[in-house]
């Protein structure tokens, strides 16, 4: 499910940090990076699901051209989709950028630097994960609307109260997040603000990505929107662009989407189930000529 629409990321008591908040103060940035530091190990090693793998197989056989993803986790790449045919509309957490000089870097390298600068946080992270009984795993955020008894059961699991919750974008809920946490400046210019190479809430999609996404949507025969409600404008406008250019619009999503009224076909089903079945369909197993 797309990063910007993950219901769990907006469950009660949690508000995603906006671009303005991130840029406003060192304290906000320390809070963000502290939470990200704790969740990065598991987030970065997440595995693709059936939807990612099915789409990669369809791409390999020529039935799917380009993927435009709202996700920032690079799971399409891990599933085998060629990097040159995956457009990360909202960027990726696997890269960071200096907001002053524009220098970019690898998030894995920044993780190592954060660990060196914050040895106490690194040690606490290791001990907390060990207490979970499943090293490297955090509790998952429960979706908004989860029944009260289910929440109580999850919260009361043995040792669970000692293991913070990880959100879908990799952030971990922490008490006093950011307090005493050191975030380095840009190593290229010496004082620039480092920011994940992602589109935060309240920010705009990078112009070159927005333009390329519109070109792809406007030149396709069929646009398949899988696992997205298309509620954010950056995604919905692609559905509109495809339809206006004469393409068909197919939607695979559980629940209402913003583009239901203009869709040619819709399946109320999980994206993983549908993509897996499509990828294994006898006619689609053969390369497209």
C-alpha atoms as a PDB file:
ATOM      1  CA  UNK A   1       0.000   0.000   0.000  1.00  0.00           C
ATOM      2  CA  UNK A   2       1.377   3.453  -0.854  1.00  0.00           C
ATOM      3  CA  UNK A   3       3.359   5.204   1.824  1.00  0.00           C
ATOM      4  CA  UNK A   4       1.232   8.345   1.772  1.00  0.00           C
ATOM      5  CA  UNK A   5      -1.991   6.405   2.279  1.00  0.00           C
ATOM      6  CA  UNK A   6      -1.020   3.811   4.847  1.00  0.00           C
ATOM      7  CA  UNK A   7      -3.799   3.984   7.449  1.00  0.00           C
ATOM      8  CA  UNK A   8      -1.512   2.713  10.170  1.00  0.00           C
ATOM      9  CA  UNK A   9       0.705   5.732   9.748  1.00  0.00           C
ATOM     10  CA  UNK A  10      -2.163   7.898  10.906  1.00  0.00           C
ATOM     11  CA  UNK A  11      -3.477   5.811  13.764  1.00  0.00           C
ATOM     12  CA  UNK A  12      -4.540   7.661  16.916  1.00  0.00           C
ATOM     13  CA  UNK A  13      -1.769   9.588  18.654  1.00  0.00           C
ATOM     14  CA  UNK A  14       0.533   9.724  15.626  1.00  0.00           C
ATOM     15  CA  UNK A  15       0.999  12.666  13.268  1.00  0.00           C
ATOM     16  CA  UNK A  16       3.548  12.477  10.442  1.00  0.00           C
ATOM     17  CA  UNK A  17       6.158  15.242  10.395  1.00  0.00           C
ATOM     18  CA  UNK A  18       5.618  17.833   7.700  1.00  0.00           C
ATOM     19  CA  UNK A  19       8.291  19.392   5.511  1.00  0.00           C
ATOM     20  CA  UNK A  20       7.886  22.732   7.284  1.00  0.00           C
ATOM     21  CA  UNK A  21       8.301  21.128  10.704  1.00  0.00           C
ATOM     22  CA  UNK A  22      11.404  19.237   9.592  1.00  0.00           C
ATOM     23  CA  UNK A  23      13.068  22.384   8.273  1.00  0.00           C
ATOM     24  CA  UNK A  24      11.963  24.580  11.184  1.00  0.00           C
ATOM     25  CA  UNK A  25      14.311  23.432  13.936  1.00  0.00           C
ATOM     26  CA  UNK A  26      17.263  21.171  14.804  1.00  0.00           C
ATOM     27  CA  UNK A  27      15.097  19.633  17.543  1.00  0.00           C
ATOM     28  CA  UNK A  28      12.513  18.448  15.040  1.00  0.00           C
ATOM     29  CA  UNK A  29      15.200  16.988  12.798  1.00  0.00           C
ATOM     30  CA  UNK A  30      16.809  15.220  15.752  1.00  0.00           C
ATOM     31  CA  UNK A  31      13.429  13.733  16.664  1.00  0.00           C
ATOM     32  CA  UNK A  32      12.893  12.528  13.108  1.00  0.00           C
ATOM     33  CA  UNK A  33      16.338  10.979  12.702  1.00  0.00           C
ATOM     34  CA  UNK A  34      16.265   9.374  16.157  1.00  0.00           C
ATOM     35  CA  UNK A  35      13.038   7.573  15.292  1.00  0.00           C
ATOM     36  CA  UNK A  36      14.319   6.698  11.824  1.00  0.00           C
ATOM     37  CA  UNK A  37      17.632   5.468  13.239  1.00  0.00           C
ATOM     38  CA  UNK A  38      15.832   2.956  15.438  1.00  0.00           C
ATOM     39  CA  UNK A  39      13.607   1.599  12.684  1.00  0.00           C
ATOM     40  CA  UNK A  40      16.046   1.649   9.785  1.00  0.00           C
ATOM     41  CA  UNK A  41      17.546  -1.814  10.234  1.00  0.00           C
ATOM     42  CA  UNK A  42      14.246  -3.639   9.862  1.00  0.00           C
ATOM     43  CA  UNK A  43      12.805  -1.224   7.311  1.00  0.00           C
ATOM     44  CA  UNK A  44      15.830  -1.423   5.027  1.00  0.00           C
ATOM     45  CA  UNK A  45      15.768  -5.230   5.033  1.00  0.00           C
ATOM     46  CA  UNK A  46      12.046  -5.631   4.354  1.00  0.00           C
ATOM     47  CA  UNK A  47      11.186  -8.152   1.652  1.00  0.00           C
ATOM     48  CA  UNK A  48       8.920  -7.659  -1.385  1.00  0.00           C
ATOM     49  CA  UNK A  49       5.403  -9.066  -1.261  1.00  0.00           C
ATOM     50  CA  UNK A  50       3.332 -10.825  -3.908  1.00  0.00           C
ATOM     51  CA  UNK A  51       2.330  -7.539  -5.545  1.00  0.00           C
ATOM     52  CA  UNK A  52       5.937  -6.428  -6.034  1.00  0.00           C
ATOM     53  CA  UNK A  53       6.965  -9.834  -7.344  1.00  0.00           C
ATOM     54  CA  UNK A  54       3.979 -10.187  -9.664  1.00  0.00           C
ATOM     55  CA  UNK A  55       4.568  -6.778 -11.213  1.00  0.00           C
ATOM     56  CA  UNK A  56       8.258  -7.568 -11.695  1.00  0.00           C
ATOM     57  CA  UNK A  57       7.357 -10.752 -13.592  1.00  0.00           C
ATOM     58  CA  UNK A  58       4.865  -8.866 -15.749  1.00  0.00           C
ATOM     59  CA  UNK A  59       7.556  -6.310 -16.520  1.00  0.00           C
ATOM     60  CA  UNK A  60      10.057  -9.021 -17.406  1.00  0.00           C
ATOM     61  CA  UNK A  61       7.617 -10.455 -19.961  1.00  0.00           C
ATOM     62  CA  UNK A  62       6.833  -7.057 -21.422  1.00  0.00           C
ATOM     63  CA  UNK A  63       3.227  -6.773 -20.220  1.00  0.00           C
ATOM     64  CA  UNK A  64       3.969  -3.872 -17.894  1.00  0.00           C
ATOM     65  CA  UNK A  65       6.137  -1.018 -19.103  1.00  0.00           C
ATOM     66  CA  UNK A  66       6.896   1.410 -16.290  1.00  0.00           C
ATOM     67  CA  UNK A  67       5.959   1.452 -12.623  1.00  0.00           C
ATOM     68  CA  UNK A  68       5.126   4.721 -10.895  1.00  0.00           C
ATOM     69  CA  UNK A  69       5.210   4.109  -7.164  1.00  0.00           C
ATOM     70  CA  UNK A  70       4.230   6.280  -4.225  1.00  0.00           C
ATOM     71  CA  UNK A  71       6.234   4.007  -1.956  1.00  0.00           C
ATOM     72  CA  UNK A  72       9.676   5.005  -0.717  1.00  0.00           C
ATOM     73  CA  UNK A  73      11.009   1.577   0.308  1.00  0.00           C
ATOM     74  CA  UNK A  74      12.575   0.317  -2.960  1.00  0.00           C
ATOM     75  CA  UNK A  75      10.808  -3.026  -2.677  1.00  0.00           C
ATOM     76  CA  UNK A  76      10.033  -2.954  -6.396  1.00  0.00           C
ATOM     77  CA  UNK A  77      13.776  -2.940  -7.039  1.00  0.00           C
ATOM     78  CA  UNK A  78      14.282  -5.861  -4.663  1.00  0.00           C
ATOM     79  CA  UNK A  79      11.550  -7.796  -6.454  1.00  0.00           C
ATOM     80  CA  UNK A  80      13.448  -7.489  -9.734  1.00  0.00           C
ATOM     81  CA  UNK A  81      11.894  -4.498 -11.482  1.00  0.00           C
ATOM     82  CA  UNK A  82      14.603  -2.649 -13.470  1.00  0.00           C
ATOM     83  CA  UNK A  83      15.592   0.593 -11.742  1.00  0.00           C
ATOM     84  CA  UNK A  84      15.243   2.487 -15.006  1.00  0.00           C
ATOM     85  CA  UNK A  85      11.596   1.458 -15.273  1.00  0.00           C
ATOM     86  CA  UNK A  86      10.562   2.359 -11.723  1.00  0.00           C
ATOM     87  CA  UNK A  87       9.696   5.993 -11.054  1.00  0.00           C
ATOM     88  CA  UNK A  88       9.736   6.751  -7.323  1.00  0.00           C
ATOM     89  CA  UNK A  89       7.240   9.599  -7.353  1.00  0.00           C
ATOM     90  CA  UNK A  90       7.806  10.523  -3.713  1.00  0.00           C
ATOM     91  CA  UNK A  91      11.511   9.665  -3.617  1.00  0.00           C
ATOM     92  CA  UNK A  92      13.157   7.054  -1.430  1.00  0.00           C
ATOM     93  CA  UNK A  93      14.328   6.784   2.160  1.00  0.00           C
ATOM     94  CA  UNK A  94      17.398   4.920   0.907  1.00  0.00           C
ATOM     95  CA  UNK A  95      18.946   8.251  -0.116  1.00  0.00           C
ATOM     96  CA  UNK A  96      19.417  11.580   1.634  1.00  0.00           C
ATOM     97  CA  UNK A  97      20.064  15.043   0.262  1.00  0.00           C
ATOM     98  CA  UNK A  98      21.626  18.249   1.583  1.00  0.00           C
ATOM     99  CA  UNK A  99      19.067  21.040   1.501  1.00  0.00           C
ATOM    100  CA  UNK A 100      21.856  23.617   1.085  1.00  0.00           C
ATOM    101  CA  UNK A 101      24.246  22.309  -1.567  1.00  0.00           C
ATOM    102  CA  UNK A 102      22.229  19.437  -3.043  1.00  0.00           C
ATOM    103  CA  UNK A 103      24.796  16.732  -2.299  1.00  0.00           C
ATOM    104  CA  UNK A 104      23.280  13.259  -2.020  1.00  0.00           C
ATOM    105  CA  UNK A 105      24.300  10.165  -0.120  1.00  0.00           C
ATOM    106  CA  UNK A 106      23.373   6.631   0.883  1.00  0.00           C
ATOM    107  CA  UNK A 107      21.130   6.168   3.927  1.00  0.00           C
ATOM    108  CA  UNK A 108      23.104   3.093   5.014  1.00  0.00           C
ATOM    109  CA  UNK A 109      26.240   5.233   5.343  1.00  0.00           C
ATOM    110  CA  UNK A 110      24.330   7.869   7.297  1.00  0.00           C
ATOM    111  CA  UNK A 111      23.044   5.126   9.616  1.00  0.00           C
ATOM    112  CA  UNK A 112      26.624   4.143  10.442  1.00  0.00           C
ATOM    113  CA  UNK A 113      27.530   7.774  11.066  1.00  0.00           C
ATOM    114  CA  UNK A 114      24.530   8.257  13.356  1.00  0.00           C
ATOM    115  CA  UNK A 115      25.557   5.172  15.344  1.00  0.00           C
ATOM    116  CA  UNK A 116      29.080   6.556  15.828  1.00  0.00           C
ATOM    117  CA  UNK A 117      27.767   9.954  16.923  1.00  0.00           C
ATOM    118  CA  UNK A 118      25.140   8.457  19.252  1.00  0.00           C
ATOM    119  CA  UNK A 119      26.704   5.439  21.004  1.00  0.00           C
ATOM    120  CA  UNK A 120      24.186   5.472  23.857  1.00  0.00           C
ATOM    121  CA  UNK A 121      21.251   5.418  21.447  1.00  0.00           C
ATOM    122  CA  UNK A 122      22.906   2.612  19.485  1.00  0.00           C
ATOM    123  CA  UNK A 123      23.425   0.554  22.651  1.00  0.00           C
ATOM    124  CA  UNK A 124      19.843   1.156  23.804  1.00  0.00           C
ATOM    125  CA  UNK A 125      18.579   0.149  20.374  1.00  0.00           C
ATOM    126  CA  UNK A 126      20.435  -3.152  20.562  1.00  0.00           C
ATOM    127  CA  UNK A 127      19.153  -3.933  24.055  1.00  0.00           C
ATOM    128  CA  UNK A 128      15.561  -2.994  23.191  1.00  0.00           C
ATOM    129  CA  UNK A 129      15.529  -5.261  20.161  1.00  0.00           C
ATOM    130  CA  UNK A 130      16.979  -8.077  22.239  1.00  0.00           C
ATOM    131  CA  UNK A 131      14.103  -7.643  24.713  1.00  0.00           C
ATOM    132  CA  UNK A 132      11.579  -8.197  21.935  1.00  0.00           C
ATOM    133  CA  UNK A 133      12.466 -11.890  21.774  1.00  0.00           C
ATOM    134  CA  UNK A 134      12.844 -11.548  18.010  1.00  0.00           C
ATOM    135  CA  UNK A 135      16.019  -9.560  17.281  1.00  0.00           C
ATOM    136  CA  UNK A 136      15.614  -6.894  14.642  1.00  0.00           C
ATOM    137  CA  UNK A 137      11.827  -6.827  14.844  1.00  0.00           C
ATOM    138  CA  UNK A 138       9.567  -4.104  16.170  1.00  0.00           C
ATOM    139  CA  UNK A 139       5.889  -4.302  16.946  1.00  0.00           C
ATOM    140  CA  UNK A 140       3.779  -3.263  13.982  1.00  0.00           C
ATOM    141  CA  UNK A 141       1.515  -0.235  14.061  1.00  0.00           C
ATOM    142  CA  UNK A 142      -2.111  -1.301  14.141  1.00  0.00           C
ATOM    143  CA  UNK A 143      -4.425   0.113  11.525  1.00  0.00           C
ATOM    144  CA  UNK A 144      -6.829   2.853  12.493  1.00  0.00           C
ATOM    145  CA  UNK A 145     -10.127   1.212  13.403  1.00  0.00           C
ATOM    146  CA  UNK A 146      -8.603  -1.948  14.847  1.00  0.00           C
ATOM    147  CA  UNK A 147     -10.997  -3.367  17.441  1.00  0.00           C
ATOM    148  CA  UNK A 148     -10.317  -2.397  21.038  1.00  0.00           C
ATOM    149  CA  UNK A 149      -9.950  -5.994  22.211  1.00  0.00           C
ATOM    150  CA  UNK A 150      -7.374  -6.656  19.489  1.00  0.00           C
ATOM    151  CA  UNK A 151      -5.415  -3.579  20.541  1.00  0.00           C
ATOM    152  CA  UNK A 152      -5.516  -4.694  24.151  1.00  0.00           C
ATOM    153  CA  UNK A 153      -4.302  -8.164  23.223  1.00  0.00           C
ATOM    154  CA  UNK A 154      -1.427  -6.744  21.185  1.00  0.00           C
ATOM    155  CA  UNK A 155      -0.456  -4.284  23.899  1.00  0.00           C
ATOM    156  CA  UNK A 156      -0.548  -6.956  26.570  1.00  0.00           C
ATOM    157  CA  UNK A 157       1.652  -9.471  24.798  1.00  0.00           C
ATOM    158  CA  UNK A 158       4.594 -10.617  26.895  1.00  0.00           C
ATOM    159  CA  UNK A 159       7.411  -8.108  26.585  1.00  0.00           C
ATOM    160  CA  UNK A 160       5.451  -5.970  24.127  1.00  0.00           C
ATOM    161  CA  UNK A 161       5.339  -2.969  26.416  1.00  0.00           C
ATOM    162  CA  UNK A 162       9.137  -2.787  26.167  1.00  0.00           C
ATOM    163  CA  UNK A 163       9.177  -2.910  22.368  1.00  0.00           C
ATOM    164  CA  UNK A 164       8.168   0.293  20.557  1.00  0.00           C
ATOM    165  CA  UNK A 165       5.938   0.363  17.492  1.00  0.00           C
ATOM    166  CA  UNK A 166       7.398   0.784  14.004  1.00  0.00           C
ATOM    167  CA  UNK A 167       5.380   2.772  11.497  1.00  0.00           C
ATOM    168  CA  UNK A 168       5.099   1.777   7.809  1.00  0.00           C
ATOM    169  CA  UNK A 169       7.629   4.427   6.763  1.00  0.00           C
ATOM    170  CA  UNK A 170      10.255   3.069   9.161  1.00  0.00           C
ATOM    171  CA  UNK A 171       9.846   5.516  12.054  1.00  0.00           C
ATOM    172  CA  UNK A 172       9.688   4.031  15.545  1.00  0.00           C
ATOM    173  CA  UNK A 173       7.629   5.485  18.373  1.00  0.00           C
ATOM    174  CA  UNK A 174      10.003   6.626  21.104  1.00  0.00           C
ATOM    175  CA  UNK A 175       9.647   8.385  24.430  1.00  0.00           C
ATOM    176  CA  UNK A 176      11.687  11.629  24.380  1.00  0.00           C
ATOM    177  CA  UNK A 177      12.635  11.080  20.744  1.00  0.00           C
ATOM    178  CA  UNK A 178      15.456  13.371  19.682  1.00  0.00           C
ATOM    179  CA  UNK A 179      16.622  14.346  23.154  1.00  0.00           C
ATOM    180  CA  UNK A 180      20.428  14.416  23.039  1.00  0.00           C
ATOM    181  CA  UNK A 181      20.471  12.811  19.581  1.00  0.00           C
ATOM    182  CA  UNK A 182      23.192  14.206  17.314  1.00  0.00           C
ATOM    183  CA  UNK A 183      22.510  14.707  13.602  1.00  0.00           C
ATOM    184  CA  UNK A 184      25.562  15.601  11.503  1.00  0.00           C
ATOM    185  CA  UNK A 185      25.612  18.445   8.976  1.00  0.00           C
ATOM    186  CA  UNK A 186      26.416  17.864   5.321  1.00  0.00           C
ATOM    187  CA  UNK A 187      29.988  16.636   4.886  1.00  0.00           C
ATOM    188  CA  UNK A 188      30.286  18.413   1.529  1.00  0.00           C
ATOM    189  CA  UNK A 189      29.373  22.000   2.418  1.00  0.00           C
ATOM    190  CA  UNK A 190      29.943  21.711   6.163  1.00  0.00           C
ATOM    191  CA  UNK A 191      26.693  23.121   7.502  1.00  0.00           C
ATOM    192  CA  UNK A 192      23.842  21.983   5.261  1.00  0.00           C
ATOM    193  CA  UNK A 193      20.698  20.285   6.571  1.00  0.00           C
ATOM    194  CA  UNK A 194      20.445  16.600   5.689  1.00  0.00           C
ATOM    195  CA  UNK A 195      16.981  15.376   4.728  1.00  0.00           C
ATOM    196  CA  UNK A 196      15.672  12.033   3.474  1.00  0.00           C
ATOM    197  CA  UNK A 197      15.195  12.187  -0.291  1.00  0.00           C
ATOM    198  CA  UNK A 198      11.436  11.872   0.084  1.00  0.00           C
ATOM    199  CA  UNK A 199       8.420  14.110  -0.349  1.00  0.00           C
ATOM    200  CA  UNK A 200       7.194  14.946   3.146  1.00  0.00           C
ATOM    201  CA  UNK A 201       3.614  15.924   3.917  1.00  0.00           C
ATOM    202  CA  UNK A 202       3.184  19.541   2.870  1.00  0.00           C
ATOM    203  CA  UNK A 203       5.983  19.294   0.300  1.00  0.00           C
ATOM    204  CA  UNK A 204       5.689  19.082  -3.490  1.00  0.00           C
ATOM    205  CA  UNK A 205       6.748  16.256  -5.773  1.00  0.00           C
ATOM    206  CA  UNK A 206      10.072  17.030  -7.430  1.00  0.00           C
ATOM    207  CA  UNK A 207       9.340  18.769 -10.768  1.00  0.00           C
ATOM    208  CA  UNK A 208      11.312  16.342 -12.946  1.00  0.00           C
ATOM    209  CA  UNK A 209       9.468  13.384 -11.425  1.00  0.00           C
ATOM    210  CA  UNK A 210       6.103  15.070 -11.780  1.00  0.00           C
ATOM    211  CA  UNK A 211       6.787  15.809 -15.453  1.00  0.00           C
ATOM    212  CA  UNK A 212       8.012  12.290 -16.239  1.00  0.00           C
ATOM    213  CA  UNK A 213       5.043  10.714 -14.449  1.00  0.00           C
ATOM    214  CA  UNK A 214       2.640  12.804 -16.533  1.00  0.00           C
ATOM    215  CA  UNK A 215       4.465  11.815 -19.725  1.00  0.00           C
ATOM    216  CA  UNK A 216       4.226   8.123 -18.841  1.00  0.00           C
ATOM    217  CA  UNK A 217       0.558   8.362 -17.894  1.00  0.00           C
ATOM    218  CA  UNK A 218      -0.263  10.305 -21.033  1.00  0.00           C
ATOM    219  CA  UNK A 219       1.418   7.827 -23.374  1.00  0.00           C
ATOM    220  CA  UNK A 220       0.202   4.475 -22.028  1.00  0.00           C
ATOM    221  CA  UNK A 221      -2.520   2.191 -23.373  1.00  0.00           C
ATOM    222  CA  UNK A 222      -3.706   1.201 -19.915  1.00  0.00           C
ATOM    223  CA  UNK A 223      -2.986   2.577 -16.469  1.00  0.00           C
ATOM    224  CA  UNK A 224      -3.343   0.049 -13.648  1.00  0.00           C
ATOM    225  CA  UNK A 225      -3.692   1.592 -10.190  1.00  0.00           C
ATOM    226  CA  UNK A 226      -2.950  -1.181  -7.703  1.00  0.00           C
ATOM    227  CA  UNK A 227      -3.279  -0.894  -3.934  1.00  0.00           C
ATOM    228  CA  UNK A 228      -3.867   2.846  -3.926  1.00  0.00           C
ATOM    229  CA  UNK A 229      -6.918   4.961  -3.178  1.00  0.00           C
ATOM    230  CA  UNK A 230      -5.500   7.725  -5.411  1.00  0.00           C
ATOM    231  CA  UNK A 231      -6.502  10.259  -2.773  1.00  0.00           C
ATOM    232  CA  UNK A 232      -3.355  12.386  -3.081  1.00  0.00           C
ATOM    233  CA  UNK A 233      -3.350  14.725  -6.065  1.00  0.00           C
ATOM    234  CA  UNK A 234       0.067  13.598  -7.335  1.00  0.00           C
ATOM    235  CA  UNK A 235      -1.426  10.151  -7.975  1.00  0.00           C
ATOM    236  CA  UNK A 236      -4.983  11.066  -8.968  1.00  0.00           C
ATOM    237  CA  UNK A 237      -3.834  13.474 -11.665  1.00  0.00           C
ATOM    238  CA  UNK A 238      -2.024  10.589 -13.370  1.00  0.00           C
ATOM    239  CA  UNK A 239      -5.277   8.649 -13.617  1.00  0.00           C
ATOM    240  CA  UNK A 240      -6.907  11.742 -15.098  1.00  0.00           C
ATOM    241  CA  UNK A 241      -4.031  12.280 -17.537  1.00  0.00           C
ATOM    242  CA  UNK A 242      -4.239   8.696 -18.764  1.00  0.00           C
ATOM    243  CA  UNK A 243      -7.988   8.901 -19.332  1.00  0.00           C
ATOM    244  CA  UNK A 244      -7.738  12.265 -21.078  1.00  0.00           C
ATOM    245  CA  UNK A 245      -5.128  10.774 -23.427  1.00  0.00           C
ATOM    246  CA  UNK A 246      -7.475   7.918 -24.337  1.00  0.00           C
ATOM    247  CA  UNK A 247      -6.039   5.149 -22.151  1.00  0.00           C
ATOM    248  CA  UNK A 248      -8.073   2.660 -20.152  1.00  0.00           C
ATOM    249  CA  UNK A 249      -8.015   2.881 -16.354  1.00  0.00           C
ATOM    250  CA  UNK A 250      -8.099  -0.269 -14.228  1.00  0.00           C
ATOM    251  CA  UNK A 251      -8.122  -0.183 -10.422  1.00  0.00           C
ATOM    252  CA  UNK A 252      -7.280  -2.906  -7.916  1.00  0.00           C
ATOM    253  CA  UNK A 253      -8.069  -1.679  -4.423  1.00  0.00           C
ATOM    254  CA  UNK A 254     -10.133  -2.617  -1.392  1.00  0.00           C
ATOM    255  CA  UNK A 255     -12.469   0.283  -0.711  1.00  0.00           C
ATOM    256  CA  UNK A 256     -13.315   3.501  -2.503  1.00  0.00           C
ATOM    257  CA  UNK A 257     -10.814   5.423  -4.599  1.00  0.00           C
ATOM    258  CA  UNK A 258     -10.824   8.964  -5.877  1.00  0.00           C
ATOM    259  CA  UNK A 259     -10.927   7.703  -9.472  1.00  0.00           C
ATOM    260  CA  UNK A 260     -13.800   5.210  -9.206  1.00  0.00           C
ATOM    261  CA  UNK A 261     -16.064   7.407 -11.340  1.00  0.00           C
ATOM    262  CA  UNK A 262     -13.647   7.441 -14.282  1.00  0.00           C
ATOM    263  CA  UNK A 263     -12.380   3.850 -14.063  1.00  0.00           C
ATOM    264  CA  UNK A 264     -13.098   1.392 -16.870  1.00  0.00           C
ATOM    265  CA  UNK A 265     -12.686  -1.593 -14.567  1.00  0.00           C
ATOM    266  CA  UNK A 266     -12.222  -2.142 -10.852  1.00  0.00           C
ATOM    267  CA  UNK A 267     -11.529  -5.159  -8.659  1.00  0.00           C
ATOM    268  CA  UNK A 268     -12.239  -4.920  -4.926  1.00  0.00           C
ATOM    269  CA  UNK A 269      -9.326  -7.160  -4.007  1.00  0.00           C
ATOM    270  CA  UNK A 270      -5.862  -7.139  -2.483  1.00  0.00           C
ATOM    271  CA  UNK A 271      -3.143  -6.053  -4.885  1.00  0.00           C
ATOM    272  CA  UNK A 272      -0.890  -8.970  -3.946  1.00  0.00           C
ATOM    273  CA  UNK A 273      -3.531 -11.562  -4.777  1.00  0.00           C
ATOM    274  CA  UNK A 274      -4.436  -9.990  -8.110  1.00  0.00           C
ATOM    275  CA  UNK A 275      -0.857  -9.341  -9.263  1.00  0.00           C
ATOM    276  CA  UNK A 276       0.180 -12.896  -8.379  1.00  0.00           C
ATOM    277  CA  UNK A 277      -2.718 -14.344 -10.387  1.00  0.00           C
ATOM    278  CA  UNK A 278      -2.073 -12.061 -13.344  1.00  0.00           C
ATOM    279  CA  UNK A 279       1.624 -12.920 -13.392  1.00  0.00           C
ATOM    280  CA  UNK A 280       0.817 -16.640 -13.448  1.00  0.00           C
ATOM    281  CA  UNK A 281      -1.920 -16.426 -16.088  1.00  0.00           C
ATOM    282  CA  UNK A 282      -1.006 -18.721 -19.015  1.00  0.00           C
ATOM    283  CA  UNK A 283      -1.361 -15.964 -21.621  1.00  0.00           C
ATOM    284  CA  UNK A 284       0.808 -13.573 -19.621  1.00  0.00           C
ATOM    285  CA  UNK A 285       3.564 -16.093 -18.942  1.00  0.00           C
ATOM    286  CA  UNK A 286       4.657 -15.705 -22.564  1.00  0.00           C
ATOM    287  CA  UNK A 287       6.729 -12.659 -23.494  1.00  0.00           C
ATOM    288  CA  UNK A 288       4.739  -9.948 -25.206  1.00  0.00           C
ATOM    289  CA  UNK A 289       5.649  -9.680 -28.892  1.00  0.00           C
END
